[in-house]
Structures are given as structure tokens and as C-alpha cells.
């Protein structure tokens, strides 16, 4: 096994799975780096680098969820952003906008919102460079007018 593959396997083995049980109600901001399954109620904001699963009977009302991958079998009201994928399973409900690289929506799903597909996350801030170029063009134009 190559060293790179071996490191990836070791990283997967070190991940922790956390489960919010059906009796759990959480309000606030939640940040995590491993995997989380919500089977209860959540209200707030989720910012994660790991994977998130919203189970069948769970209810999440969020400002925004951001995670690597998000699988929804329950109900989510709010915007969703996943760097890798979003999957809405049979019986799931999403009311909000979705931004992701890959999307799977099964039959019997309630979805209201817009979908934006990511090609690849840019490595540089495109808006900042365009703004800098625009400012430079304005400086050059001002010099010409004088």
C-alpha cells in the first residue's frame, strides 16, 4: 500500500461519529470536523468540515448548514452548502437554497429553493482581483484625462 493511501486510511480510522439522539434539542452554533448524525431537533447554524446526516424524523431550522457532504432524510429549513455532495433521500424535505458540487434527489422529496452547482472552488478571490484590475484601469484612465 502506498504511503499516500495508507495516510488516507489512517485519517478515516481516526474520525469520530457523533449522534444527537431523538430526544436531543440543540439551539445555537455547531462546529465540528468529524461526522455527525442528527436524529433530534436543531435550530441555529452548522459549520463543519466533516459529513452531516439529518435522519428521518429530525427537524432542522437553520440560517445555513455548511459541511463536506450532507445527507437529508428528515426536514431542513434553511440554506445548505456542501463542498462535495448533497443527497435528499426519499421522504426528505428541504426548504432553502443548495450550493454543492454533486446533488442527488430521490423520489418523494419536498424541495423548494434554488440549486447552484460548483465546478471547483477557486483558489483565489476572483472578485478581489477583478476589483484591483478595475481600480488600476481607473487610475490609468485618470492619468490620461489630466
N, C-alpha and C. Protein backbone atom coordinates (compact mmCIF):
# COMPACT_ATOMS: atom_id res chain seq x y z
N UNK A 1 0.86 -1.17 0.00
CA UNK A 1 0.00 0.00 0.00
C UNK A 1 0.91 1.24 0.00
N UNK A 2 0.64 2.19 -0.89
CA UNK A 2 1.48 3.38 -0.95
C UNK A 2 1.29 4.23 0.30
N UNK A 3 2.26 5.09 0.55
CA UNK A 3 2.22 5.92 1.76
C UNK A 3 1.01 6.86 1.76
N UNK A 4 0.67 7.43 0.59
CA UNK A 4 -0.46 8.36 0.49
C UNK A 4 -1.78 7.66 0.81
N UNK A 5 -1.98 6.46 0.26
CA UNK A 5 -3.20 5.70 0.52
C UNK A 5 -3.24 5.29 1.99
N UNK A 6 -2.12 4.88 2.54
CA UNK A 6 -2.04 4.49 3.94
C UNK A 6 -2.43 5.64 4.86
N UNK A 7 -1.98 6.87 4.56
CA UNK A 7 -2.34 8.04 5.37
C UNK A 7 -3.83 8.31 5.29
N UNK A 8 -4.41 8.16 4.10
CA UNK A 8 -5.86 8.38 3.94
C UNK A 8 -6.66 7.37 4.76
N UNK A 9 -6.25 6.12 4.75
CA UNK A 9 -6.93 5.09 5.53
C UNK A 9 -6.83 5.41 7.02
N UNK A 10 -5.66 5.85 7.47
CA UNK A 10 -5.48 6.19 8.88
C UNK A 10 -6.35 7.38 9.27
N UNK A 11 -6.49 8.38 8.38
CA UNK A 11 -7.35 9.52 8.66
C UNK A 11 -8.79 9.08 8.82
N UNK A 12 -9.25 8.17 7.95
CA UNK A 12 -10.62 7.65 8.03
C UNK A 12 -10.84 6.91 9.35
N UNK A 13 -9.85 6.17 9.80
CA UNK A 13 -9.98 5.40 11.04
C UNK A 13 -10.04 6.32 12.26
N UNK A 14 -9.43 7.48 12.20
CA UNK A 14 -9.40 8.41 13.32
C UNK A 14 -10.68 9.23 13.47
N UNK A 15 -11.54 9.23 12.47
CA UNK A 15 -12.76 10.02 12.52
C UNK A 15 -13.68 9.53 13.62
N UNK A 16 -14.37 10.47 14.24
CA UNK A 16 -15.32 10.17 15.29
C UNK A 16 -16.72 10.42 14.77
N UNK A 17 -17.63 9.52 15.06
CA UNK A 17 -19.03 9.68 14.69
C UNK A 17 -19.80 10.09 15.94
N UNK A 18 -20.50 11.22 15.85
CA UNK A 18 -21.32 11.70 16.96
C UNK A 18 -22.77 11.64 16.53
N UNK A 19 -23.64 11.23 17.46
CA UNK A 19 -25.07 11.14 17.16
C UNK A 19 -25.83 11.98 18.17
N UNK A 20 -26.64 12.93 17.67
CA UNK A 20 -27.59 13.64 18.52
C UNK A 20 -28.85 12.79 18.51
N UNK A 21 -29.21 12.21 19.65
CA UNK A 21 -30.34 11.30 19.74
C UNK A 21 -31.68 11.98 19.49
N UNK A 22 -32.75 11.17 19.35
CA UNK A 22 -34.08 11.72 19.05
C UNK A 22 -34.61 12.64 20.13
N UNK A 23 -34.14 12.48 21.35
CA UNK A 23 -34.59 13.33 22.46
C UNK A 23 -33.77 14.62 22.57
N UNK A 24 -32.75 14.78 21.74
CA UNK A 24 -31.86 15.94 21.80
C UNK A 24 -32.45 17.13 21.04
N UNK A 25 -32.47 18.29 21.72
CA UNK A 25 -32.84 19.55 21.08
C UNK A 25 -31.67 20.50 21.29
N UNK A 26 -31.13 21.04 20.19
CA UNK A 26 -29.94 21.89 20.25
C UNK A 26 -30.24 23.22 19.58
N UNK A 27 -29.96 24.31 20.27
CA UNK A 27 -30.09 25.67 19.74
C UNK A 27 -28.72 26.33 19.78
N UNK A 28 -28.29 26.92 18.65
CA UNK A 28 -27.03 27.65 18.65
C UNK A 28 -26.19 27.37 17.43
N UNK A 29 -24.88 27.61 17.59
CA UNK A 29 -23.92 27.41 16.50
C UNK A 29 -23.17 26.11 16.79
N UNK A 30 -23.10 25.25 15.77
CA UNK A 30 -22.44 23.96 15.91
C UNK A 30 -21.31 23.88 14.91
N UNK A 31 -20.09 23.62 15.40
CA UNK A 31 -18.93 23.45 14.53
C UNK A 31 -18.29 22.11 14.85
N UNK A 32 -17.95 21.35 13.80
CA UNK A 32 -17.30 20.06 14.01
C UNK A 32 -16.46 19.69 12.79
N UNK A 33 -15.53 18.74 13.00
CA UNK A 33 -14.65 18.33 11.90
C UNK A 33 -14.81 16.85 11.54
N UNK A 34 -15.49 16.08 12.37
CA UNK A 34 -15.71 14.66 12.08
C UNK A 34 -17.10 14.48 11.49
N UNK A 35 -17.76 13.37 11.78
CA UNK A 35 -19.08 13.08 11.23
C UNK A 35 -20.15 13.22 12.31
N UNK A 36 -21.31 13.73 11.92
CA UNK A 36 -22.42 13.94 12.85
C UNK A 36 -23.71 13.44 12.24
N UNK A 37 -24.53 12.78 13.06
CA UNK A 37 -25.88 12.38 12.67
C UNK A 37 -26.84 13.07 13.63
N UNK A 38 -27.80 13.81 13.09
CA UNK A 38 -28.82 14.46 13.91
C UNK A 38 -30.10 13.67 13.76
N UNK A 39 -30.62 13.16 14.89
CA UNK A 39 -31.89 12.43 14.87
C UNK A 39 -32.95 13.19 15.67
N UNK A 40 -32.57 14.31 16.28
CA UNK A 40 -33.49 15.11 17.08
C UNK A 40 -33.83 16.41 16.38
N UNK A 41 -33.84 17.51 17.18
CA UNK A 41 -34.16 18.83 16.64
C UNK A 41 -32.94 19.74 16.76
N UNK A 42 -32.72 20.54 15.72
CA UNK A 42 -31.61 21.50 15.72
C UNK A 42 -32.12 22.83 15.21
N UNK A 43 -31.70 23.91 15.88
CA UNK A 43 -32.07 25.26 15.48
C UNK A 43 -30.82 26.13 15.58
N UNK A 44 -30.38 26.72 14.48
CA UNK A 44 -29.20 27.57 14.54
C UNK A 44 -28.39 27.55 13.26
N UNK A 45 -27.08 27.35 13.41
CA UNK A 45 -26.15 27.37 12.28
C UNK A 45 -25.15 26.24 12.45
N UNK A 46 -24.83 25.54 11.34
CA UNK A 46 -23.86 24.45 11.37
C UNK A 46 -22.73 24.78 10.40
N UNK A 47 -21.50 24.73 10.94
CA UNK A 47 -20.31 24.95 10.12
C UNK A 47 -19.36 23.79 10.38
N UNK A 48 -19.17 22.95 9.34
CA UNK A 48 -18.40 21.72 9.55
C UNK A 48 -17.47 21.44 8.38
N UNK A 49 -16.40 20.72 8.68
CA UNK A 49 -15.52 20.21 7.64
C UNK A 49 -15.75 18.72 7.44
N UNK A 50 -16.58 18.12 8.28
CA UNK A 50 -16.90 16.71 8.18
C UNK A 50 -18.21 16.48 7.44
N UNK A 51 -18.78 15.30 7.64
CA UNK A 51 -20.02 14.91 6.98
C UNK A 51 -21.18 15.03 7.95
N UNK A 52 -22.36 15.33 7.41
CA UNK A 52 -23.55 15.51 8.23
C UNK A 52 -24.68 14.67 7.67
N UNK A 53 -25.41 14.02 8.56
CA UNK A 53 -26.62 13.28 8.17
C UNK A 53 -27.77 13.77 9.02
N UNK A 54 -28.88 14.13 8.36
CA UNK A 54 -30.11 14.53 9.03
C UNK A 54 -31.06 13.35 8.89
N UNK A 55 -31.33 12.65 10.00
CA UNK A 55 -32.13 11.42 9.95
C UNK A 55 -33.60 11.69 9.71
N UNK A 56 -34.34 10.59 9.47
CA UNK A 56 -35.72 10.62 9.00
C UNK A 56 -36.66 11.51 9.83
N UNK A 57 -36.69 11.40 11.13
CA UNK A 57 -37.66 12.14 11.94
C UNK A 57 -37.10 13.44 12.50
N UNK A 58 -35.90 13.82 12.09
CA UNK A 58 -35.28 15.03 12.64
C UNK A 58 -35.82 16.29 11.95
N UNK A 59 -35.76 17.40 12.69
CA UNK A 59 -36.21 18.69 12.19
C UNK A 59 -35.09 19.70 12.43
N UNK A 60 -34.60 20.32 11.36
CA UNK A 60 -33.53 21.32 11.47
C UNK A 60 -34.00 22.63 10.86
N UNK A 61 -33.93 23.68 11.65
CA UNK A 61 -34.21 25.03 11.17
C UNK A 61 -32.90 25.79 11.30
N UNK A 62 -32.34 26.18 10.16
CA UNK A 62 -31.00 26.75 10.17
C UNK A 62 -30.94 28.04 9.36
N UNK A 63 -29.98 28.87 9.74
CA UNK A 63 -29.61 30.01 8.90
C UNK A 63 -28.85 29.45 7.70
N UNK A 64 -27.87 28.54 8.04
CA UNK A 64 -27.06 27.92 6.99
C UNK A 64 -26.40 26.67 7.55
N UNK A 65 -26.31 25.65 6.70
CA UNK A 65 -25.52 24.46 7.01
C UNK A 65 -24.40 24.41 5.99
N UNK A 66 -23.17 24.29 6.45
CA UNK A 66 -22.06 24.05 5.53
C UNK A 66 -21.26 22.87 6.06
N UNK A 67 -21.02 21.89 5.17
CA UNK A 67 -20.29 20.68 5.53
C UNK A 67 -19.69 20.08 4.27
N UNK A 68 -18.89 19.03 4.43
CA UNK A 68 -18.30 18.37 3.26
C UNK A 68 -19.39 17.67 2.47
N UNK A 69 -20.16 16.80 3.12
CA UNK A 69 -21.30 16.16 2.46
C UNK A 69 -22.48 16.15 3.42
N UNK A 70 -23.68 16.24 2.86
CA UNK A 70 -24.90 16.33 3.67
C UNK A 70 -25.92 15.36 3.09
N UNK A 71 -26.41 14.46 3.93
CA UNK A 71 -27.46 13.51 3.54
C UNK A 71 -28.69 13.84 4.37
N UNK A 72 -29.81 14.09 3.69
CA UNK A 72 -31.02 14.54 4.38
C UNK A 72 -32.15 13.54 4.16
N UNK A 73 -32.63 12.97 5.26
CA UNK A 73 -33.81 12.11 5.23
C UNK A 73 -34.95 12.77 5.99
N UNK A 74 -34.63 13.75 6.82
CA UNK A 74 -35.61 14.46 7.63
C UNK A 74 -36.01 15.78 6.99
N UNK A 75 -36.22 16.79 7.83
CA UNK A 75 -36.69 18.09 7.37
C UNK A 75 -35.65 19.18 7.67
N UNK A 76 -35.31 19.96 6.65
CA UNK A 76 -34.38 21.08 6.81
C UNK A 76 -35.02 22.32 6.21
N UNK A 77 -35.06 23.38 7.03
CA UNK A 77 -35.48 24.69 6.55
C UNK A 77 -34.29 25.61 6.70
N UNK A 78 -33.76 26.10 5.57
CA UNK A 78 -32.58 26.95 5.58
C UNK A 78 -31.65 26.58 4.44
N UNK A 79 -30.63 27.38 4.25
CA UNK A 79 -29.70 27.20 3.13
C UNK A 79 -28.65 26.14 3.46
N UNK A 80 -28.24 25.42 2.41
CA UNK A 80 -27.30 24.31 2.55
C UNK A 80 -26.14 24.50 1.58
N UNK A 81 -24.93 24.26 2.08
CA UNK A 81 -23.74 24.33 1.23
C UNK A 81 -22.84 23.14 1.56
N UNK A 82 -22.52 22.35 0.54
CA UNK A 82 -21.65 21.18 0.72
C UNK A 82 -20.56 21.20 -0.33
N UNK A 83 -19.32 21.09 0.10
CA UNK A 83 -18.20 21.14 -0.85
C UNK A 83 -18.19 19.90 -1.75
N UNK A 84 -18.66 18.75 -1.25
CA UNK A 84 -18.63 17.53 -2.07
C UNK A 84 -20.00 17.15 -2.62
N UNK A 85 -21.00 16.92 -1.73
CA UNK A 85 -22.29 16.46 -2.24
C UNK A 85 -23.42 16.71 -1.26
N UNK A 86 -24.63 16.78 -1.82
CA UNK A 86 -25.87 16.82 -1.06
C UNK A 86 -26.76 15.72 -1.59
N UNK A 87 -27.37 14.97 -0.68
CA UNK A 87 -28.30 13.91 -1.06
C UNK A 87 -29.58 14.09 -0.26
N UNK A 88 -30.71 14.20 -0.97
CA UNK A 88 -32.00 14.29 -0.31
C UNK A 88 -32.71 12.96 -0.55
N UNK A 89 -32.94 12.23 0.53
CA UNK A 89 -33.47 10.88 0.45
C UNK A 89 -35.00 10.87 0.43
N UNK A 90 -35.56 9.74 0.02
CA UNK A 90 -37.00 9.52 -0.04
C UNK A 90 -37.67 9.96 1.26
N UNK A 91 -38.64 10.87 1.16
CA UNK A 91 -39.35 11.38 2.33
C UNK A 91 -38.72 12.62 2.93
N UNK A 92 -37.55 13.02 2.45
CA UNK A 92 -36.87 14.19 2.97
C UNK A 92 -37.51 15.49 2.50
N UNK A 93 -37.22 16.57 3.22
CA UNK A 93 -37.78 17.88 2.88
C UNK A 93 -36.71 18.95 3.06
N UNK A 94 -36.55 19.78 2.04
CA UNK A 94 -35.62 20.91 2.12
C UNK A 94 -36.33 22.15 1.59
N UNK A 95 -36.38 23.17 2.43
CA UNK A 95 -36.90 24.46 2.01
C UNK A 95 -35.75 25.45 2.19
N UNK A 96 -35.08 25.77 1.09
CA UNK A 96 -33.91 26.64 1.12
C UNK A 96 -33.05 26.37 -0.11
N UNK A 97 -32.04 27.20 -0.28
CA UNK A 97 -31.15 27.08 -1.43
C UNK A 97 -30.02 26.10 -1.15
N UNK A 98 -29.56 25.44 -2.21
CA UNK A 98 -28.49 24.45 -2.10
C UNK A 98 -27.33 24.86 -3.01
N UNK A 99 -26.11 24.81 -2.47
CA UNK A 99 -24.89 25.03 -3.23
C UNK A 99 -24.01 23.80 -3.00
N UNK A 100 -23.65 23.11 -4.09
CA UNK A 100 -22.87 21.88 -3.94
C UNK A 100 -22.20 21.50 -5.26
N UNK A 101 -21.26 20.58 -5.18
CA UNK A 101 -20.59 20.07 -6.39
C UNK A 101 -21.39 18.92 -7.00
N UNK A 102 -22.02 18.09 -6.18
CA UNK A 102 -22.83 16.96 -6.66
C UNK A 102 -24.14 16.93 -5.89
N UNK A 103 -25.22 16.55 -6.59
CA UNK A 103 -26.54 16.54 -5.98
C UNK A 103 -27.30 15.29 -6.39
N UNK A 104 -27.96 14.66 -5.42
CA UNK A 104 -28.82 13.51 -5.70
C UNK A 104 -30.13 13.73 -4.98
N UNK A 105 -31.24 13.69 -5.73
CA UNK A 105 -32.57 13.85 -5.14
C UNK A 105 -33.38 12.62 -5.51
N UNK A 106 -33.84 11.89 -4.50
CA UNK A 106 -34.64 10.70 -4.73
C UNK A 106 -36.11 11.08 -4.97
N UNK A 107 -36.95 10.10 -5.27
CA UNK A 107 -38.39 10.30 -5.42
C UNK A 107 -39.02 10.64 -4.07
N UNK A 108 -40.21 11.23 -4.12
CA UNK A 108 -40.99 11.54 -2.92
C UNK A 108 -40.25 12.50 -1.99
N UNK A 109 -39.70 13.57 -2.56
CA UNK A 109 -38.96 14.59 -1.82
C UNK A 109 -39.66 15.93 -1.97
N UNK A 110 -39.72 16.69 -0.90
CA UNK A 110 -40.24 18.05 -0.95
C UNK A 110 -39.04 19.00 -1.01
N UNK A 111 -38.90 19.74 -2.11
CA UNK A 111 -37.80 20.70 -2.24
C UNK A 111 -38.32 22.02 -2.78
N UNK A 112 -38.03 23.10 -2.07
CA UNK A 112 -38.36 24.45 -2.52
C UNK A 112 -37.11 25.30 -2.36
N UNK A 113 -36.58 25.79 -3.49
CA UNK A 113 -35.39 26.62 -3.43
C UNK A 113 -34.66 26.59 -4.75
N UNK A 114 -33.45 27.15 -4.74
CA UNK A 114 -32.61 27.19 -5.92
C UNK A 114 -31.39 26.32 -5.70
N UNK A 115 -30.84 25.82 -6.80
CA UNK A 115 -29.65 24.97 -6.74
C UNK A 115 -28.54 25.63 -7.53
N UNK A 116 -27.36 25.72 -6.93
CA UNK A 116 -26.17 26.22 -7.61
C UNK A 116 -25.13 25.12 -7.57
N UNK A 117 -24.66 24.72 -8.74
CA UNK A 117 -23.67 23.65 -8.83
C UNK A 117 -22.27 24.24 -8.89
N UNK A 118 -21.37 23.71 -8.07
CA UNK A 118 -19.98 24.15 -8.05
C UNK A 118 -19.16 23.31 -9.03
N UNK A 119 -18.35 23.97 -9.85
CA UNK A 119 -17.40 23.23 -10.68
C UNK A 119 -16.20 22.88 -9.83
N UNK A 120 -15.59 23.91 -9.30
CA UNK A 120 -14.43 23.76 -8.44
C UNK A 120 -14.30 25.06 -7.66
N UNK A 121 -13.96 24.97 -6.42
CA UNK A 121 -13.80 26.16 -5.61
C UNK A 121 -12.54 26.89 -6.08
N UNK A 122 -12.67 28.17 -6.47
CA UNK A 122 -11.50 28.90 -6.96
C UNK A 122 -10.47 29.08 -5.85
N UNK A 123 -9.20 29.02 -6.24
CA UNK A 123 -8.13 29.17 -5.26
C UNK A 123 -7.86 30.62 -4.92
N UNK A 124 -8.27 31.52 -5.79
CA UNK A 124 -8.07 32.94 -5.50
C UNK A 124 -9.41 33.64 -5.48
N UNK A 125 -9.45 34.77 -4.82
CA UNK A 125 -10.68 35.56 -4.73
C UNK A 125 -10.86 36.31 -6.04
N UNK A 126 -11.74 35.81 -6.89
CA UNK A 126 -11.94 36.40 -8.20
C UNK A 126 -12.45 37.83 -8.12
N UNK A 127 -13.28 38.11 -7.15
CA UNK A 127 -13.85 39.45 -7.03
C UNK A 127 -12.78 40.46 -6.62
N UNK A 128 -11.85 40.06 -5.78
CA UNK A 128 -10.79 40.97 -5.36
C UNK A 128 -9.87 41.28 -6.53
N UNK A 129 -9.51 40.29 -7.35
CA UNK A 129 -8.62 40.57 -8.47
C UNK A 129 -9.32 41.41 -9.52
N UNK A 130 -10.58 41.14 -9.78
CA UNK A 130 -11.31 41.96 -10.75
C UNK A 130 -11.40 43.39 -10.25
N UNK A 131 -11.63 43.56 -8.98
CA UNK A 131 -11.72 44.89 -8.40
C UNK A 131 -10.38 45.62 -8.51
N UNK A 132 -9.29 44.91 -8.24
CA UNK A 132 -7.96 45.51 -8.33
C UNK A 132 -7.67 45.94 -9.77
N UNK A 133 -8.03 45.06 -10.73
CA UNK A 133 -7.82 45.40 -12.14
C UNK A 133 -8.66 46.61 -12.52
N UNK A 134 -9.89 46.66 -12.05
CA UNK A 134 -10.78 47.78 -12.34
C UNK A 134 -10.20 49.08 -11.77
N UNK A 135 -9.73 49.01 -10.52
CA UNK A 135 -9.14 50.19 -9.89
C UNK A 135 -7.92 50.66 -10.68
N UNK A 136 -7.08 49.70 -11.11
CA UNK A 136 -5.89 50.05 -11.88
C UNK A 136 -6.28 50.71 -13.20
N UNK A 137 -7.31 50.19 -13.86
CA UNK A 137 -7.78 50.78 -15.12
C UNK A 137 -8.29 52.19 -14.88
N UNK A 138 -8.95 52.43 -13.76
CA UNK A 138 -9.46 53.76 -13.45
C UNK A 138 -8.30 54.73 -13.20
N UNK A 139 -7.26 54.25 -12.53
CA UNK A 139 -6.09 55.09 -12.28
C UNK A 139 -5.44 55.47 -13.61
N UNK A 140 -5.29 54.49 -14.50
CA UNK A 140 -4.68 54.76 -15.81
C UNK A 140 -5.55 55.75 -16.60
N UNK A 141 -6.85 55.59 -16.55
CA UNK A 141 -7.75 56.45 -17.27
C UNK A 141 -7.69 57.88 -16.71
N UNK A 142 -7.58 58.00 -15.39
CA UNK A 142 -7.49 59.30 -14.75
C UNK A 142 -6.20 60.00 -15.18
N UNK A 143 -5.10 59.25 -15.28
CA UNK A 143 -3.84 59.81 -15.71
C UNK A 143 -3.93 60.36 -17.13
N UNK A 144 -4.66 59.69 -18.00
CA UNK A 144 -4.80 60.12 -19.39
C UNK A 144 -5.60 61.41 -19.47
N UNK A 145 -6.64 61.52 -18.65
CA UNK A 145 -7.51 62.71 -18.71
C UNK A 145 -6.76 63.96 -18.27
N UNK A 146 -5.90 63.85 -17.34
CA UNK A 146 -5.18 65.02 -16.84
C UNK A 146 -4.31 65.54 -17.92
